[in-house]
Amino acid sequence: MKSIDLVFRSNINGGLRHLKLSDVKSDLDADTVKDIMQQIIDSKMFADSNAELLYSKAVSAVYIDEQDHVLFEEK
């Protein structure tokens, strides 16, 4: 199962915020992901109680390829 970790700079103390999504398309290119991240930023829908944006600048995007490693399985 592939997931993606979108990393943004926050307006709150300049910290980093992660938005992790699972079951994503695995063939997205960098420009497409940057555009999607910019749409998230432009929507301004993620903010704290003081209206400070949680996602204000795109920093990185990383595909994560997760594999299950079964240690034991009772049948």
N, C-alpha and C. Protein backbone atom coordinates (compact mmCIF):
# COMPACT_ATOMS: atom_id res chain seq x y z
N MET A 1 0.85 -1.17 0.00
CA MET A 1 0.00 0.00 0.00
C MET A 1 0.89 1.23 0.00
N LYS A 2 0.62 2.15 -0.88
CA LYS A 2 1.37 3.40 -0.95
C LYS A 2 0.62 4.48 -0.21
N SER A 3 1.40 5.31 0.47
CA SER A 3 0.85 6.51 1.08
C SER A 3 1.77 7.66 0.71
N ILE A 4 1.33 8.86 1.00
CA ILE A 4 2.15 10.03 0.70
C ILE A 4 2.16 10.93 1.93
N ASP A 5 3.31 11.50 2.21
CA ASP A 5 3.48 12.42 3.32
C ASP A 5 3.75 13.80 2.73
N LEU A 6 2.78 14.69 2.87
CA LEU A 6 2.91 16.06 2.40
C LEU A 6 3.37 16.91 3.58
N VAL A 7 4.48 17.60 3.41
CA VAL A 7 5.05 18.40 4.49
C VAL A 7 4.91 19.87 4.15
N PHE A 8 4.35 20.61 5.10
CA PHE A 8 4.10 22.03 4.94
C PHE A 8 4.78 22.81 6.06
N ARG A 9 5.13 24.06 5.78
CA ARG A 9 5.56 24.99 6.81
C ARG A 9 4.30 25.64 7.36
N SER A 10 4.25 25.78 8.67
CA SER A 10 3.10 26.37 9.35
C SER A 10 3.36 27.85 9.65
N ASN A 11 2.31 28.64 9.74
CA ASN A 11 2.45 30.03 10.18
C ASN A 11 2.65 30.11 11.69
N ILE A 12 2.46 29.00 12.38
CA ILE A 12 2.59 28.97 13.83
C ILE A 12 4.03 28.62 14.16
N ASN A 13 4.82 29.60 14.54
CA ASN A 13 6.23 29.43 14.89
C ASN A 13 7.06 28.80 13.78
N GLY A 14 6.59 28.79 12.56
CA GLY A 14 7.35 28.27 11.42
C GLY A 14 7.59 26.77 11.48
N GLY A 15 6.84 26.07 12.31
CA GLY A 15 7.01 24.62 12.45
C GLY A 15 6.55 23.86 11.23
N LEU A 16 6.91 22.60 11.17
CA LEU A 16 6.51 21.73 10.07
C LEU A 16 5.25 20.96 10.44
N ARG A 17 4.37 20.80 9.48
CA ARG A 17 3.14 20.02 9.64
C ARG A 17 3.09 18.97 8.55
N HIS A 18 2.66 17.77 8.92
CA HIS A 18 2.56 16.66 7.97
C HIS A 18 1.10 16.34 7.71
N LEU A 19 0.79 16.09 6.45
CA LEU A 19 -0.52 15.61 6.04
C LEU A 19 -0.27 14.28 5.34
N LYS A 20 -0.62 13.18 6.01
CA LYS A 20 -0.35 11.86 5.47
C LYS A 20 -1.64 11.26 4.92
N LEU A 21 -1.56 10.82 3.67
CA LEU A 21 -2.71 10.25 2.98
C LEU A 21 -2.36 8.84 2.53
N SER A 22 -3.30 7.92 2.70
CA SER A 22 -3.04 6.54 2.29
C SER A 22 -3.88 6.18 1.07
N ASP A 23 -3.51 5.07 0.44
CA ASP A 23 -4.17 4.58 -0.77
C ASP A 23 -4.21 5.65 -1.86
N VAL A 24 -3.05 6.19 -2.16
CA VAL A 24 -2.96 7.26 -3.16
C VAL A 24 -2.43 6.72 -4.48
N LYS A 25 -2.65 7.47 -5.54
CA LYS A 25 -2.07 7.13 -6.84
C LYS A 25 -0.55 7.15 -6.70
N SER A 26 0.10 6.19 -7.30
CA SER A 26 1.54 6.11 -7.16
C SER A 26 2.30 6.67 -8.36
N ASP A 27 1.57 7.27 -9.29
CA ASP A 27 2.23 7.78 -10.49
C ASP A 27 2.15 9.30 -10.61
N LEU A 28 1.94 10.00 -9.50
CA LEU A 28 1.87 11.45 -9.54
C LEU A 28 3.27 12.03 -9.66
N ASP A 29 3.42 13.07 -10.50
CA ASP A 29 4.73 13.69 -10.62
C ASP A 29 4.83 14.89 -9.67
N ALA A 30 6.03 15.43 -9.55
CA ALA A 30 6.30 16.51 -8.59
C ALA A 30 5.43 17.73 -8.86
N ASP A 31 5.28 18.11 -10.12
CA ASP A 31 4.48 19.31 -10.44
C ASP A 31 3.02 19.14 -10.04
N THR A 32 2.47 17.96 -10.27
CA THR A 32 1.08 17.69 -9.89
C THR A 32 0.90 17.78 -8.38
N VAL A 33 1.83 17.18 -7.64
CA VAL A 33 1.74 17.21 -6.18
C VAL A 33 1.92 18.63 -5.65
N LYS A 34 2.85 19.39 -6.23
CA LYS A 34 3.04 20.78 -5.82
C LYS A 34 1.76 21.58 -6.05
N ASP A 35 1.11 21.36 -7.19
CA ASP A 35 -0.15 22.06 -7.49
C ASP A 35 -1.23 21.70 -6.47
N ILE A 36 -1.33 20.43 -6.13
CA ILE A 36 -2.32 19.99 -5.14
C ILE A 36 -2.03 20.61 -3.78
N MET A 37 -0.75 20.62 -3.40
CA MET A 37 -0.38 21.22 -2.12
C MET A 37 -0.71 22.71 -2.11
N GLN A 38 -0.49 23.39 -3.23
CA GLN A 38 -0.81 24.81 -3.30
C GLN A 38 -2.32 25.03 -3.19
N GLN A 39 -3.11 24.14 -3.76
CA GLN A 39 -4.56 24.24 -3.62
C GLN A 39 -4.98 24.10 -2.16
N ILE A 40 -4.32 23.20 -1.44
CA ILE A 40 -4.61 23.03 -0.01
C ILE A 40 -4.28 24.32 0.74
N ILE A 41 -3.12 24.91 0.43
CA ILE A 41 -2.71 26.16 1.07
C ILE A 41 -3.71 27.28 0.74
N ASP A 42 -4.05 27.41 -0.53
CA ASP A 42 -4.95 28.48 -0.98
C ASP A 42 -6.35 28.36 -0.40
N SER A 43 -6.76 27.14 -0.06
CA SER A 43 -8.11 26.96 0.49
C SER A 43 -8.25 27.56 1.89
N LYS A 44 -7.14 27.69 2.59
CA LYS A 44 -7.11 28.25 3.95
C LYS A 44 -8.10 27.56 4.88
N MET A 45 -8.35 26.29 4.65
CA MET A 45 -9.33 25.58 5.46
C MET A 45 -8.72 24.91 6.70
N PHE A 46 -7.38 24.91 6.79
CA PHE A 46 -6.72 24.34 7.97
C PHE A 46 -6.07 25.47 8.77
N ALA A 47 -6.72 25.82 9.86
CA ALA A 47 -6.23 26.92 10.70
C ALA A 47 -6.49 26.58 12.15
N ASP A 48 -5.72 27.21 13.03
CA ASP A 48 -5.96 27.00 14.46
C ASP A 48 -7.04 27.95 14.96
N SER A 49 -7.27 27.97 16.25
CA SER A 49 -8.35 28.79 16.81
C SER A 49 -8.09 30.29 16.68
N ASN A 50 -6.84 30.67 16.38
CA ASN A 50 -6.50 32.09 16.17
C ASN A 50 -6.42 32.44 14.69
N ALA A 51 -6.90 31.56 13.85
CA ALA A 51 -6.92 31.73 12.40
C ALA A 51 -5.52 31.73 11.79
N GLU A 52 -4.53 31.17 12.50
CA GLU A 52 -3.19 31.01 11.95
C GLU A 52 -3.19 29.75 11.08
N LEU A 53 -2.66 29.87 9.87
CA LEU A 53 -2.68 28.75 8.93
C LEU A 53 -1.73 27.64 9.37
N LEU A 54 -2.25 26.41 9.37
CA LEU A 54 -1.43 25.25 9.69
C LEU A 54 -0.55 24.87 8.50
N TYR A 55 -1.05 25.10 7.29
CA TYR A 55 -0.33 24.79 6.07
C TYR A 55 -0.17 26.07 5.27
N SER A 56 1.03 26.67 5.31
CA SER A 56 1.22 27.94 4.62
C SER A 56 2.25 27.89 3.50
N LYS A 57 3.12 26.87 3.49
CA LYS A 57 4.13 26.75 2.42
C LYS A 57 4.45 25.28 2.22
N ALA A 58 4.48 24.85 0.95
CA ALA A 58 4.84 23.47 0.64
C ALA A 58 6.34 23.28 0.83
N VAL A 59 6.72 22.23 1.55
CA VAL A 59 8.13 21.96 1.83
C VAL A 59 8.60 20.71 1.10
N SER A 60 7.84 19.62 1.20
CA SER A 60 8.25 18.39 0.53
C SER A 60 7.07 17.43 0.43
N ALA A 61 7.25 16.42 -0.40
CA ALA A 61 6.27 15.33 -0.54
C ALA A 61 7.06 14.05 -0.74
N VAL A 62 6.67 13.01 -0.01
CA VAL A 62 7.40 11.75 -0.05
C VAL A 62 6.41 10.60 -0.15
N TYR A 63 6.63 9.73 -1.14
CA TYR A 63 5.87 8.49 -1.20
C TYR A 63 6.43 7.54 -0.14
N ILE A 64 5.54 6.83 0.53
CA ILE A 64 5.94 5.83 1.51
C ILE A 64 5.38 4.50 1.05
N ASP A 65 6.25 3.56 0.86
CA ASP A 65 5.85 2.23 0.42
C ASP A 65 5.84 1.32 1.64
N GLU A 66 4.65 0.98 2.10
CA GLU A 66 4.51 0.19 3.31
C GLU A 66 4.30 -1.28 2.96
N GLN A 67 5.04 -2.12 3.64
CA GLN A 67 4.87 -3.56 3.45
C GLN A 67 4.64 -4.18 4.81
N ASP A 68 3.71 -5.11 4.86
CA ASP A 68 3.46 -5.83 6.10
C ASP A 68 4.52 -6.91 6.26
N HIS A 69 5.04 -7.02 7.46
CA HIS A 69 5.99 -8.08 7.80
C HIS A 69 5.35 -8.88 8.93
N VAL A 70 4.73 -9.99 8.55
CA VAL A 70 4.02 -10.82 9.51
C VAL A 70 5.02 -11.58 10.36
N LEU A 71 4.92 -11.38 11.69
CA LEU A 71 5.79 -12.10 12.61
C LEU A 71 5.21 -13.46 12.96
N PHE A 72 3.89 -13.49 13.15
CA PHE A 72 3.18 -14.76 13.31
C PHE A 72 1.71 -14.51 13.03
N GLU A 73 1.04 -15.57 12.71
CA GLU A 73 -0.38 -15.47 12.37
C GLU A 73 -1.07 -16.74 12.82
N GLU A 74 -1.97 -16.60 13.76
CA GLU A 74 -2.72 -17.75 14.26
C GLU A 74 -3.85 -18.06 13.28
N LYS A 75 -3.99 -19.34 12.97
CA LYS A 75 -5.03 -19.73 12.02
C LYS A 75 -6.04 -20.61 12.66
